[in-house]
Amino acid sequence: MTFDNNARIREVQKWFSVNGDGTLRMNYPLNENSVVVDLGGYRGQFTYDIYRKYKCNVYVFEPYLSYYKVINGRFKSNEKIKVYDYGVSGKTEDLHIVDSNDGSYLLESRDVEDTSNLKIENVKVKSFKDAYAEMGVDTIDLLKINVEGAEYDIMQNIFDSGLTSKIDNYQIQFHHISSKSEELLNNIRNELSKTHKQDWNYEWVWENWSLK
């Protein structure tokens, strides 16, 4: 698999033609007892939509302070939505996050040579294993991952921690951030296919894997 930006643009167009954000990303066998984990909460729209439809329990992780404040303020009166002010990655450590106007990304997840014009903040991140332990849940019905490049480290930490089958559904947006991205993606898919099946895939846009 070789990255082709024109092909990705076509996948984006296909995604919008089926209203994937309102259909595929919301179509799960969830109920009020289900557990949904939102990695990369941004402003909380996915959390809002999934909770509104299923009244499920949602755990949201957002390390960028301004976005965290938006999410926390939005759901502070909802006892079924828990908002965490740190990010999730491959290990627990202090990192740096970059504001990219329509989102944010961990600086350490990218090959960035010139940081002089970037808006950077210090943030805390935890490994998925540590975040999972803090949540105090057993099975996760849906894990949504949109973390602008940190997904590769997160997935590897899930595999290494033996938590793969604790998650019924993986809804992931993979990002092409380096020459190694294709290889990393293929490795993740190969490992995930041992326990899960791919239900749908819009290449480099969104894809979903459910437990076999």
N, C-alpha and C. Protein backbone atom coordinates (compact mmCIF):
# COMPACT_ATOMS: atom_id res chain seq x y z
N MET A 1 0.84 -1.19 0.00
CA MET A 1 0.00 0.00 0.00
C MET A 1 0.88 1.24 0.00
N THR A 2 0.71 2.10 -0.97
CA THR A 2 1.44 3.35 -1.06
C THR A 2 0.47 4.51 -0.92
N PHE A 3 0.85 5.50 -0.13
CA PHE A 3 -0.04 6.63 0.11
C PHE A 3 -0.22 7.46 -1.14
N ASP A 4 -1.46 7.74 -1.47
CA ASP A 4 -1.83 8.55 -2.63
C ASP A 4 -2.84 9.59 -2.15
N ASN A 5 -2.42 10.84 -2.11
CA ASN A 5 -3.30 11.88 -1.56
C ASN A 5 -4.55 12.06 -2.41
N ASN A 6 -4.43 11.90 -3.72
CA ASN A 6 -5.61 12.02 -4.58
C ASN A 6 -6.62 10.91 -4.27
N ALA A 7 -6.08 9.72 -4.01
CA ALA A 7 -6.95 8.60 -3.64
C ALA A 7 -7.64 8.89 -2.31
N ARG A 8 -6.90 9.50 -1.38
CA ARG A 8 -7.51 9.84 -0.09
C ARG A 8 -8.62 10.87 -0.28
N ILE A 9 -8.41 11.84 -1.13
CA ILE A 9 -9.44 12.84 -1.40
C ILE A 9 -10.71 12.17 -1.93
N ARG A 10 -10.53 11.18 -2.79
CA ARG A 10 -11.70 10.45 -3.30
C ARG A 10 -12.40 9.69 -2.18
N GLU A 11 -11.60 9.14 -1.25
CA GLU A 11 -12.20 8.44 -0.11
C GLU A 11 -12.98 9.41 0.77
N VAL A 12 -12.45 10.61 0.96
CA VAL A 12 -13.16 11.64 1.73
C VAL A 12 -14.49 11.96 1.06
N GLN A 13 -14.47 12.12 -0.25
CA GLN A 13 -15.70 12.42 -0.99
C GLN A 13 -16.72 11.30 -0.84
N LYS A 14 -16.26 10.05 -0.91
CA LYS A 14 -17.14 8.90 -0.73
C LYS A 14 -17.72 8.90 0.68
N TRP A 15 -16.87 9.23 1.66
CA TRP A 15 -17.31 9.27 3.05
C TRP A 15 -18.45 10.27 3.24
N PHE A 16 -18.27 11.46 2.69
CA PHE A 16 -19.30 12.48 2.83
C PHE A 16 -20.56 12.13 2.03
N SER A 17 -20.39 11.41 0.93
CA SER A 17 -21.55 11.04 0.11
C SER A 17 -22.48 10.08 0.84
N VAL A 18 -21.94 9.30 1.78
CA VAL A 18 -22.78 8.40 2.57
C VAL A 18 -23.06 8.97 3.97
N ASN A 19 -22.66 10.22 4.18
CA ASN A 19 -22.84 10.86 5.50
C ASN A 19 -22.28 9.97 6.60
N GLY A 20 -21.01 9.56 6.42
CA GLY A 20 -20.40 8.61 7.34
C GLY A 20 -20.39 9.05 8.79
N ASP A 21 -20.24 10.36 9.04
CA ASP A 21 -20.21 10.84 10.41
C ASP A 21 -21.56 10.64 11.11
N GLY A 22 -22.62 10.72 10.32
CA GLY A 22 -23.95 10.58 10.92
C GLY A 22 -24.54 9.19 10.81
N THR A 23 -23.90 8.33 10.00
CA THR A 23 -24.43 6.98 9.81
C THR A 23 -23.47 5.94 10.37
N LEU A 24 -22.40 5.65 9.66
CA LEU A 24 -21.47 4.59 10.05
C LEU A 24 -20.89 4.80 11.45
N ARG A 25 -20.50 6.01 11.76
CA ARG A 25 -19.84 6.27 13.05
C ARG A 25 -20.81 6.24 14.22
N MET A 26 -22.10 6.22 13.93
CA MET A 26 -23.11 6.20 14.99
C MET A 26 -23.85 4.87 15.07
N ASN A 27 -23.51 3.91 14.22
CA ASN A 27 -24.30 2.68 14.11
C ASN A 27 -23.63 1.51 14.84
N TYR A 28 -24.00 1.36 16.12
CA TYR A 28 -23.44 0.30 16.96
C TYR A 28 -24.52 -0.28 17.86
N PRO A 29 -24.35 -1.53 18.32
CA PRO A 29 -25.33 -2.13 19.23
C PRO A 29 -25.09 -1.67 20.67
N LEU A 30 -25.32 -0.40 20.91
CA LEU A 30 -25.07 0.19 22.22
C LEU A 30 -26.37 0.44 22.97
N ASN A 31 -26.26 0.59 24.30
CA ASN A 31 -27.40 0.94 25.12
C ASN A 31 -26.92 1.77 26.31
N GLU A 32 -27.79 2.01 27.26
CA GLU A 32 -27.44 2.90 28.38
C GLU A 32 -26.37 2.33 29.30
N ASN A 33 -26.09 1.05 29.19
CA ASN A 33 -25.04 0.44 30.00
C ASN A 33 -23.70 0.33 29.28
N SER A 34 -23.67 0.67 28.02
CA SER A 34 -22.46 0.53 27.21
C SER A 34 -21.39 1.53 27.64
N VAL A 35 -20.14 1.16 27.33
CA VAL A 35 -18.98 2.02 27.63
C VAL A 35 -18.35 2.45 26.32
N VAL A 36 -18.27 3.75 26.11
CA VAL A 36 -17.63 4.33 24.94
C VAL A 36 -16.45 5.18 25.40
N VAL A 37 -15.32 5.02 24.73
CA VAL A 37 -14.12 5.80 25.05
C VAL A 37 -13.77 6.67 23.85
N ASP A 38 -13.64 7.96 24.08
CA ASP A 38 -13.38 8.93 23.03
C ASP A 38 -11.96 9.48 23.22
N LEU A 39 -11.03 8.99 22.40
CA LEU A 39 -9.64 9.49 22.46
C LEU A 39 -9.48 10.58 21.41
N GLY A 40 -9.21 11.79 21.87
CA GLY A 40 -9.16 12.95 21.00
C GLY A 40 -10.52 13.62 20.98
N GLY A 41 -10.92 14.13 22.14
CA GLY A 41 -12.28 14.65 22.28
C GLY A 41 -12.57 15.91 21.51
N TYR A 42 -11.53 16.70 21.21
CA TYR A 42 -11.65 17.97 20.49
C TYR A 42 -12.65 18.88 21.20
N ARG A 43 -13.79 19.15 20.62
CA ARG A 43 -14.80 19.99 21.27
C ARG A 43 -16.00 19.19 21.77
N GLY A 44 -15.91 17.88 21.67
CA GLY A 44 -16.94 17.04 22.28
C GLY A 44 -18.11 16.67 21.41
N GLN A 45 -18.03 16.89 20.09
CA GLN A 45 -19.20 16.63 19.25
C GLN A 45 -19.51 15.14 19.15
N PHE A 46 -18.46 14.30 18.98
CA PHE A 46 -18.72 12.87 18.90
C PHE A 46 -19.34 12.37 20.20
N THR A 47 -18.79 12.80 21.33
CA THR A 47 -19.35 12.41 22.62
C THR A 47 -20.81 12.83 22.73
N TYR A 48 -21.11 14.04 22.32
CA TYR A 48 -22.49 14.53 22.37
C TYR A 48 -23.41 13.66 21.51
N ASP A 49 -22.98 13.36 20.30
CA ASP A 49 -23.83 12.61 19.37
C ASP A 49 -24.05 11.17 19.83
N ILE A 50 -22.99 10.51 20.28
CA ILE A 50 -23.12 9.11 20.67
C ILE A 50 -23.93 9.00 21.97
N TYR A 51 -23.75 9.95 22.89
CA TYR A 51 -24.54 9.93 24.11
C TYR A 51 -26.01 10.22 23.82
N ARG A 52 -26.26 11.18 22.98
CA ARG A 52 -27.65 11.55 22.67
C ARG A 52 -28.41 10.36 22.08
N LYS A 53 -27.73 9.54 21.28
CA LYS A 53 -28.41 8.42 20.63
C LYS A 53 -28.61 7.24 21.57
N TYR A 54 -27.60 6.94 22.42
CA TYR A 54 -27.65 5.70 23.21
C TYR A 54 -27.72 5.90 24.73
N LYS A 55 -27.50 7.13 25.20
CA LYS A 55 -27.45 7.41 26.65
C LYS A 55 -26.41 6.52 27.35
N CYS A 56 -25.31 6.25 26.67
CA CYS A 56 -24.26 5.36 27.16
C CYS A 56 -23.29 6.12 28.08
N ASN A 57 -22.41 5.36 28.70
CA ASN A 57 -21.34 5.95 29.51
C ASN A 57 -20.17 6.31 28.59
N VAL A 58 -19.69 7.54 28.67
CA VAL A 58 -18.63 8.00 27.78
C VAL A 58 -17.46 8.55 28.59
N TYR A 59 -16.26 8.10 28.24
CA TYR A 59 -15.03 8.58 28.84
C TYR A 59 -14.25 9.32 27.76
N VAL A 60 -14.01 10.61 27.98
CA VAL A 60 -13.41 11.48 26.97
C VAL A 60 -12.02 11.93 27.41
N PHE A 61 -11.07 11.86 26.49
CA PHE A 61 -9.69 12.27 26.79
C PHE A 61 -9.27 13.38 25.84
N GLU A 62 -8.88 14.51 26.41
CA GLU A 62 -8.45 15.66 25.59
C GLU A 62 -7.37 16.44 26.33
N PRO A 63 -6.10 16.37 25.84
CA PRO A 63 -5.00 17.01 26.56
C PRO A 63 -4.85 18.52 26.32
N TYR A 64 -5.37 19.01 25.21
CA TYR A 64 -5.19 20.43 24.89
C TYR A 64 -6.14 21.25 25.75
N LEU A 65 -5.60 22.15 26.56
CA LEU A 65 -6.34 22.79 27.63
C LEU A 65 -7.61 23.50 27.15
N SER A 66 -7.53 24.26 26.08
CA SER A 66 -8.70 25.01 25.64
C SER A 66 -9.83 24.09 25.20
N TYR A 67 -9.49 22.98 24.54
CA TYR A 67 -10.52 22.03 24.13
C TYR A 67 -11.07 21.28 25.35
N TYR A 68 -10.19 20.93 26.26
CA TYR A 68 -10.64 20.26 27.49
C TYR A 68 -11.67 21.13 28.22
N LYS A 69 -11.40 22.41 28.34
CA LYS A 69 -12.32 23.30 29.04
C LYS A 69 -13.68 23.35 28.35
N VAL A 70 -13.67 23.34 27.01
CA VAL A 70 -14.93 23.33 26.27
C VAL A 70 -15.72 22.06 26.58
N ILE A 71 -15.04 20.91 26.50
CA ILE A 71 -15.71 19.63 26.74
C ILE A 71 -16.18 19.54 28.18
N ASN A 72 -15.32 19.89 29.12
CA ASN A 72 -15.68 19.79 30.52
C ASN A 72 -16.87 20.67 30.86
N GLY A 73 -16.89 21.88 30.31
CA GLY A 73 -18.01 22.77 30.54
C GLY A 73 -19.29 22.27 29.90
N ARG A 74 -19.14 21.64 28.76
CA ARG A 74 -20.30 21.14 28.00
C ARG A 74 -21.00 20.00 28.74
N PHE A 75 -20.22 19.16 29.43
CA PHE A 75 -20.80 17.95 30.03
C PHE A 75 -20.68 17.88 31.55
N LYS A 76 -20.35 18.97 32.20
CA LYS A 76 -20.08 18.92 33.64
C LYS A 76 -21.28 18.48 34.46
N SER A 77 -22.48 18.67 33.96
CA SER A 77 -23.68 18.27 34.70
C SER A 77 -24.15 16.87 34.36
N ASN A 78 -23.43 16.18 33.47
CA ASN A 78 -23.82 14.84 33.03
C ASN A 78 -22.94 13.81 33.74
N GLU A 79 -23.53 13.06 34.64
CA GLU A 79 -22.76 12.09 35.43
C GLU A 79 -22.29 10.90 34.61
N LYS A 80 -22.84 10.70 33.43
CA LYS A 80 -22.46 9.56 32.60
C LYS A 80 -21.32 9.87 31.65
N ILE A 81 -20.89 11.13 31.64
CA ILE A 81 -19.77 11.53 30.78
C ILE A 81 -18.62 12.02 31.66
N LYS A 82 -17.50 11.32 31.58
CA LYS A 82 -16.31 11.65 32.37
C LYS A 82 -15.24 12.21 31.44
N VAL A 83 -14.74 13.40 31.77
CA VAL A 83 -13.77 14.09 30.92
C VAL A 83 -12.40 14.12 31.62
N TYR A 84 -11.37 13.69 30.89
CA TYR A 84 -10.00 13.65 31.42
C TYR A 84 -9.14 14.70 30.73
N ASP A 85 -8.32 15.38 31.51
CA ASP A 85 -7.51 16.48 30.95
C ASP A 85 -6.12 16.02 30.56
N TYR A 86 -6.01 14.81 30.06
CA TYR A 86 -4.72 14.34 29.55
C TYR A 86 -4.96 13.52 28.29
N GLY A 87 -3.91 13.30 27.55
CA GLY A 87 -4.01 12.53 26.32
C GLY A 87 -3.62 11.09 26.54
N VAL A 88 -3.83 10.28 25.53
CA VAL A 88 -3.46 8.87 25.58
C VAL A 88 -2.50 8.60 24.43
N SER A 89 -1.42 7.90 24.75
CA SER A 89 -0.42 7.55 23.74
C SER A 89 0.17 6.19 24.09
N GLY A 90 1.44 5.99 23.73
CA GLY A 90 2.06 4.70 23.96
C GLY A 90 2.61 4.51 25.35
N LYS A 91 2.93 5.62 26.06
CA LYS A 91 3.44 5.50 27.42
C LYS A 91 3.11 6.76 28.20
N THR A 92 3.24 6.67 29.51
CA THR A 92 2.91 7.78 30.39
C THR A 92 4.12 8.71 30.51
N GLU A 93 3.92 9.97 30.12
CA GLU A 93 5.03 10.93 30.11
C GLU A 93 4.50 12.34 29.86
N ASP A 94 5.39 13.32 29.96
CA ASP A 94 5.06 14.71 29.60
C ASP A 94 5.52 14.96 28.18
N LEU A 95 4.62 15.50 27.36
CA LEU A 95 4.94 15.78 25.96
C LEU A 95 4.54 17.20 25.61
N HIS A 96 4.54 17.50 24.32
CA HIS A 96 4.17 18.83 23.83
C HIS A 96 3.08 18.68 22.78
N ILE A 97 2.10 19.58 22.85
CA ILE A 97 1.00 19.53 21.90
C ILE A 97 0.99 20.81 21.07
N VAL A 98 0.62 20.67 19.81
CA VAL A 98 0.62 21.79 18.86
C VAL A 98 -0.81 22.11 18.47
N ASP A 99 -1.18 23.37 18.56
CA ASP A 99 -2.49 23.82 18.10
C ASP A 99 -2.42 24.01 16.59
N SER A 100 -3.25 23.24 15.85
CA SER A 100 -3.25 23.35 14.39
C SER A 100 -4.54 23.96 13.88
N ASN A 101 -5.14 24.82 14.67
CA ASN A 101 -6.35 25.59 14.33
C ASN A 101 -7.62 24.74 14.34
N ASP A 102 -7.67 23.67 13.55
CA ASP A 102 -8.87 22.82 13.52
C ASP A 102 -8.67 21.56 14.35
N GLY A 103 -7.67 21.56 15.21
CA GLY A 103 -7.40 20.39 16.04
C GLY A 103 -6.07 20.58 16.74
N SER A 104 -5.46 19.48 17.14
CA SER A 104 -4.15 19.54 17.78
C SER A 104 -3.47 18.20 17.60
N TYR A 105 -2.14 18.21 17.73
CA TYR A 105 -1.41 16.96 17.62
C TYR A 105 -0.19 16.99 18.53
N LEU A 106 0.26 15.81 18.94
CA LEU A 106 1.45 15.71 19.77
C LEU A 106 2.68 15.96 18.91
N LEU A 107 3.49 16.90 19.32
CA LEU A 107 4.69 17.26 18.55
C LEU A 107 5.59 16.05 18.35
N GLU A 108 5.70 15.22 19.37
CA GLU A 108 6.60 14.07 19.31
C GLU A 108 6.12 12.99 18.35
N SER A 109 4.87 13.09 17.88
CA SER A 109 4.36 12.10 16.94
C SER A 109 4.69 12.45 15.49
N ARG A 110 5.28 13.61 15.27
CA ARG A 110 5.58 14.07 13.92
C ARG A 110 7.07 14.36 13.76
N ASP A 111 7.54 14.32 12.52
CA ASP A 111 8.90 14.74 12.20
C ASP A 111 8.86 16.22 11.84
N VAL A 112 9.04 17.08 12.84
CA VAL A 112 8.96 18.53 12.67
C VAL A 112 10.34 19.13 12.90
N GLU A 113 10.88 19.80 11.89
CA GLU A 113 12.22 20.39 12.01
C GLU A 113 12.18 21.82 12.54
N ASP A 114 11.21 22.61 12.08
CA ASP A 114 11.14 24.01 12.49
C ASP A 114 9.89 24.22 13.34
N THR A 115 10.08 24.52 14.62
CA THR A 115 8.95 24.73 15.53
C THR A 115 8.75 26.20 15.89
N SER A 116 9.47 27.09 15.22
CA SER A 116 9.47 28.50 15.61
C SER A 116 8.11 29.16 15.47
N ASN A 117 7.29 28.72 14.51
CA ASN A 117 5.99 29.35 14.28
C ASN A 117 4.83 28.53 14.83
N LEU A 118 5.13 27.54 15.65
CA LEU A 118 4.08 26.68 16.17
C LEU A 118 3.62 27.13 17.56
N LYS A 119 2.34 26.99 17.83
CA LYS A 119 1.79 27.26 19.15
C LYS A 119 1.84 25.95 19.93
N ILE A 120 2.73 25.89 20.92
CA ILE A 120 3.00 24.64 21.62
C ILE A 120 2.70 24.76 23.11
N GLU A 121 2.08 23.73 23.66
CA GLU A 121 1.84 23.66 25.10
C GLU A 121 2.39 22.35 25.65
N ASN A 122 2.77 22.38 26.93
CA ASN A 122 3.16 21.14 27.61
C ASN A 122 1.90 20.41 28.06
N VAL A 123 1.88 19.09 27.86
CA VAL A 123 0.71 18.31 28.26
C VAL A 123 1.17 16.99 28.88
N LYS A 124 0.25 16.37 29.59
CA LYS A 124 0.47 15.03 30.12
C LYS A 124 -0.24 14.02 29.23
N VAL A 125 0.41 12.91 28.99
CA VAL A 125 -0.24 11.79 28.32
C VAL A 125 0.01 10.53 29.14
N LYS A 126 -0.89 9.60 29.02
CA LYS A 126 -0.74 8.32 29.68
C LYS A 126 -0.85 7.20 28.66
N SER A 127 -0.23 6.09 28.96
CA SER A 127 -0.38 4.92 28.10
C SER A 127 -1.84 4.49 28.13
N PHE A 128 -2.27 3.79 27.08
CA PHE A 128 -3.64 3.28 27.10
C PHE A 128 -3.84 2.37 28.30
N LYS A 129 -2.84 1.58 28.62
CA LYS A 129 -2.93 0.66 29.76
C LYS A 129 -3.22 1.42 31.04
N ASP A 130 -2.52 2.53 31.28
CA ASP A 130 -2.73 3.31 32.50
C ASP A 130 -4.09 4.01 32.48
N ALA A 131 -4.49 4.53 31.32
CA ALA A 131 -5.80 5.18 31.22
C ALA A 131 -6.93 4.17 31.45
N TYR A 132 -6.77 2.98 30.90
CA TYR A 132 -7.75 1.91 31.07
C TYR A 132 -7.89 1.57 32.55
N ALA A 133 -6.78 1.47 33.26
CA ALA A 133 -6.82 1.17 34.68
C ALA A 133 -7.52 2.28 35.46
N GLU A 134 -7.27 3.53 35.09
CA GLU A 134 -7.89 4.65 35.80
C GLU A 134 -9.39 4.70 35.58
N MET A 135 -9.84 4.33 34.37
CA MET A 135 -11.29 4.33 34.11
C MET A 135 -12.01 3.30 34.97
N GLY A 136 -11.34 2.20 35.28
CA GLY A 136 -11.96 1.19 36.12
C GLY A 136 -13.06 0.41 35.44
N VAL A 137 -12.97 0.26 34.13
CA VAL A 137 -13.96 -0.51 33.38
C VAL A 137 -13.36 -1.86 33.00
N ASP A 138 -14.21 -2.75 32.52
CA ASP A 138 -13.73 -4.03 32.02
C ASP A 138 -13.78 -4.01 30.50
N THR A 139 -14.93 -4.26 29.94
CA THR A 139 -15.08 -4.25 28.49
C THR A 139 -15.43 -2.85 27.99
N ILE A 140 -14.81 -2.46 26.88
CA ILE A 140 -15.14 -1.22 26.19
C ILE A 140 -15.93 -1.58 24.94
N ASP A 141 -17.13 -1.07 24.84
CA ASP A 141 -17.98 -1.41 23.69
C ASP A 141 -17.53 -0.72 22.42
N LEU A 142 -17.05 0.51 22.55
CA LEU A 142 -16.58 1.26 21.39
C LEU A 142 -15.42 2.16 21.80
N LEU A 143 -14.30 2.00 21.11
CA LEU A 143 -13.14 2.87 21.29
C LEU A 143 -12.97 3.70 20.03
N LYS A 144 -13.18 4.99 20.15
CA LYS A 144 -12.99 5.91 19.02
C LYS A 144 -11.63 6.59 19.17
N ILE A 145 -10.82 6.53 18.12
CA ILE A 145 -9.47 7.10 18.16
C ILE A 145 -9.30 8.08 17.00
N ASN A 146 -9.12 9.34 17.35
CA ASN A 146 -8.76 10.37 16.36
C ASN A 146 -7.76 11.29 17.03
N VAL A 147 -6.48 10.94 16.93
CA VAL A 147 -5.44 11.62 17.72
C VAL A 147 -4.28 12.11 16.86
N GLU A 148 -4.53 12.28 15.59
CA GLU A 148 -3.59 12.98 14.70
C GLU A 148 -2.19 12.38 14.69
N GLY A 149 -2.09 11.07 14.69
CA GLY A 149 -0.79 10.43 14.55
C GLY A 149 -0.37 9.58 15.73
N ALA A 150 -0.94 9.83 16.91
CA ALA A 150 -0.59 9.04 18.10
C ALA A 150 -1.28 7.68 18.09
N GLU A 151 -2.17 7.45 17.11
CA GLU A 151 -2.90 6.18 17.06
C GLU A 151 -1.98 4.96 16.94
N TYR A 152 -0.85 5.14 16.28
CA TYR A 152 0.07 4.01 16.09
C TYR A 152 0.64 3.54 17.44
N ASP A 153 1.05 4.49 18.28
CA ASP A 153 1.58 4.15 19.59
C ASP A 153 0.48 3.60 20.50
N ILE A 154 -0.71 4.16 20.41
CA ILE A 154 -1.82 3.67 21.22
C ILE A 154 -2.14 2.23 20.90
N MET A 155 -2.26 1.92 19.62
CA MET A 155 -2.61 0.55 19.23
C MET A 155 -1.52 -0.43 19.64
N GLN A 156 -0.26 -0.04 19.51
CA GLN A 156 0.82 -0.94 19.92
C GLN A 156 0.78 -1.19 21.42
N ASN A 157 0.45 -0.15 22.20
CA ASN A 157 0.34 -0.31 23.64
C ASN A 157 -0.82 -1.23 24.02
N ILE A 158 -1.91 -1.14 23.28
CA ILE A 158 -3.05 -2.04 23.51
C ILE A 158 -2.63 -3.48 23.25
N PHE A 159 -1.94 -3.72 22.13
CA PHE A 159 -1.47 -5.07 21.82
C PHE A 159 -0.51 -5.58 22.90
N ASP A 160 0.47 -4.75 23.25
CA ASP A 160 1.49 -5.16 24.21
C ASP A 160 0.91 -5.42 25.60
N SER A 161 -0.19 -4.74 25.92
CA SER A 161 -0.80 -4.87 27.25
C SER A 161 -1.82 -6.00 27.32
N GLY A 162 -2.06 -6.68 26.20
CA GLY A 162 -3.01 -7.78 26.19
C GLY A 162 -4.46 -7.34 26.33
N LEU A 163 -4.76 -6.12 25.88
CA LEU A 163 -6.10 -5.57 26.04
C LEU A 163 -6.93 -5.59 24.76
N THR A 164 -6.39 -6.14 23.70
CA THR A 164 -7.05 -6.07 22.39
C THR A 164 -8.50 -6.54 22.44
N SER A 165 -8.74 -7.70 23.05
CA SER A 165 -10.08 -8.28 23.06
C SER A 165 -10.98 -7.70 24.14
N LYS A 166 -10.48 -6.77 24.94
CA LYS A 166 -11.33 -6.06 25.89
C LYS A 166 -12.17 -4.99 25.19
N ILE A 167 -11.89 -4.77 23.91
CA ILE A 167 -12.56 -3.72 23.15
C ILE A 167 -13.37 -4.36 22.03
N ASP A 168 -14.68 -4.14 22.05
CA ASP A 168 -15.56 -4.76 21.05
C ASP A 168 -15.42 -4.11 19.69
N ASN A 169 -15.34 -2.79 19.65
CA ASN A 169 -15.26 -2.05 18.39
C ASN A 169 -14.16 -1.00 18.44
N TYR A 170 -13.35 -0.98 17.39
CA TYR A 170 -12.34 0.05 17.19
C TYR A 170 -12.78 0.94 16.03
N GLN A 171 -13.01 2.19 16.31
CA GLN A 171 -13.31 3.18 15.26
C GLN A 171 -12.10 4.11 15.18
N ILE A 172 -11.32 3.99 14.11
CA ILE A 172 -10.02 4.65 14.07
C ILE A 172 -9.86 5.51 12.81
N GLN A 173 -9.29 6.69 13.00
CA GLN A 173 -8.84 7.50 11.87
C GLN A 173 -7.31 7.46 11.88
N PHE A 174 -6.76 6.78 10.88
CA PHE A 174 -5.30 6.74 10.73
C PHE A 174 -4.83 7.93 9.93
N HIS A 175 -3.66 8.45 10.29
CA HIS A 175 -3.10 9.63 9.63
C HIS A 175 -1.76 9.28 9.00
N HIS A 176 -1.55 9.78 7.80
CA HIS A 176 -0.27 9.58 7.13
C HIS A 176 0.66 10.71 7.55
N ILE A 177 1.57 10.39 8.48
CA ILE A 177 2.41 11.44 9.06
C ILE A 177 3.89 11.26 8.76
N SER A 178 4.27 10.12 8.19
CA SER A 178 5.67 9.89 7.86
C SER A 178 5.79 8.78 6.84
N SER A 179 7.01 8.54 6.38
CA SER A 179 7.24 7.47 5.42
C SER A 179 6.99 6.09 6.02
N LYS A 180 6.89 6.02 7.35
CA LYS A 180 6.67 4.74 8.03
C LYS A 180 5.19 4.45 8.27
N SER A 181 4.33 5.41 7.95
CA SER A 181 2.92 5.27 8.30
C SER A 181 2.27 4.05 7.65
N GLU A 182 2.57 3.80 6.37
CA GLU A 182 1.96 2.65 5.69
C GLU A 182 2.36 1.34 6.35
N GLU A 183 3.63 1.21 6.69
CA GLU A 183 4.10 -0.01 7.33
C GLU A 183 3.47 -0.20 8.69
N LEU A 184 3.39 0.87 9.48
CA LEU A 184 2.77 0.80 10.78
C LEU A 184 1.29 0.43 10.69
N LEU A 185 0.61 1.01 9.72
CA LEU A 185 -0.81 0.71 9.53
C LEU A 185 -1.01 -0.75 9.16
N ASN A 186 -0.20 -1.25 8.24
CA ASN A 186 -0.32 -2.66 7.85
C ASN A 186 -0.06 -3.59 9.03
N ASN A 187 0.93 -3.26 9.85
CA ASN A 187 1.23 -4.09 11.02
C ASN A 187 0.06 -4.11 12.00
N ILE A 188 -0.56 -2.95 12.21
CA ILE A 188 -1.70 -2.87 13.12
C ILE A 188 -2.87 -3.68 12.58
N ARG A 189 -3.14 -3.55 11.30
CA ARG A 189 -4.25 -4.30 10.71
C ARG A 189 -4.01 -5.81 10.80
N ASN A 190 -2.80 -6.22 10.57
CA ASN A 190 -2.48 -7.65 10.65
C ASN A 190 -2.69 -8.18 12.06
N GLU A 191 -2.26 -7.41 13.05
CA GLU A 191 -2.42 -7.83 14.44
C GLU A 191 -3.89 -7.80 14.85
N LEU A 192 -4.58 -6.76 14.46
CA LEU A 192 -5.98 -6.61 14.84
C LEU A 192 -6.86 -7.69 14.20
N SER A 193 -6.48 -8.12 13.01
CA SER A 193 -7.28 -9.13 12.30
C SER A 193 -7.27 -10.48 13.00
N LYS A 194 -6.39 -10.68 13.98
CA LYS A 194 -6.37 -11.94 14.72
C LYS A 194 -7.58 -12.08 15.63
N THR A 195 -8.12 -10.95 16.06
CA THR A 195 -9.23 -10.97 17.02
C THR A 195 -10.48 -10.24 16.50
N HIS A 196 -10.31 -9.38 15.51
CA HIS A 196 -11.39 -8.54 15.02
C HIS A 196 -11.53 -8.64 13.51
N LYS A 197 -12.68 -8.24 13.00
CA LYS A 197 -12.89 -8.18 11.55
C LYS A 197 -13.16 -6.73 11.15
N GLN A 198 -12.69 -6.38 9.97
CA GLN A 198 -12.90 -5.02 9.49
C GLN A 198 -14.30 -4.92 8.88
N ASP A 199 -15.13 -4.06 9.44
CA ASP A 199 -16.52 -3.92 8.99
C ASP A 199 -16.65 -2.96 7.83
N TRP A 200 -15.91 -1.89 7.87
CA TRP A 200 -15.88 -0.93 6.77
C TRP A 200 -14.59 -0.12 6.84
N ASN A 201 -14.19 0.39 5.69
CA ASN A 201 -12.93 1.12 5.60
C ASN A 201 -12.97 2.16 4.49
N TYR A 202 -12.74 3.40 4.86
CA TYR A 202 -12.52 4.49 3.91
C TYR A 202 -11.07 4.92 4.14
N GLU A 203 -10.20 4.49 3.26
CA GLU A 203 -8.75 4.53 3.47
C GLU A 203 -8.26 5.91 3.89
N TRP A 204 -7.56 5.96 5.03
CA TRP A 204 -7.01 7.18 5.62
C TRP A 204 -8.10 8.17 6.02
N VAL A 205 -9.33 7.69 6.15
CA VAL A 205 -10.42 8.55 6.62
C VAL A 205 -10.94 7.98 7.93
N TRP A 206 -11.74 6.90 7.86
CA TRP A 206 -12.20 6.18 9.04
C TRP A 206 -12.32 4.71 8.71
N GLU A 207 -12.13 3.87 9.70
CA GLU A 207 -12.39 2.45 9.54
C GLU A 207 -12.86 1.87 10.86
N ASN A 208 -13.58 0.75 10.81
CA ASN A 208 -14.08 0.12 12.01
C ASN A 208 -13.77 -1.37 12.03
N TRP A 209 -13.37 -1.85 13.22
CA TRP A 209 -13.08 -3.26 13.44
C TRP A 209 -13.91 -3.74 14.62
N SER A 210 -14.63 -4.86 14.45
CA SER A 210 -15.44 -5.42 15.53
C SER A 210 -14.92 -6.79 15.92
N LEU A 211 -15.13 -7.13 17.19
CA LEU A 211 -14.66 -8.39 17.74
C LEU A 211 -15.32 -9.56 17.01
N LYS A 212 -14.52 -10.56 16.66
CA LYS A 212 -15.05 -11.72 15.93
C LYS A 212 -15.94 -12.56 16.85
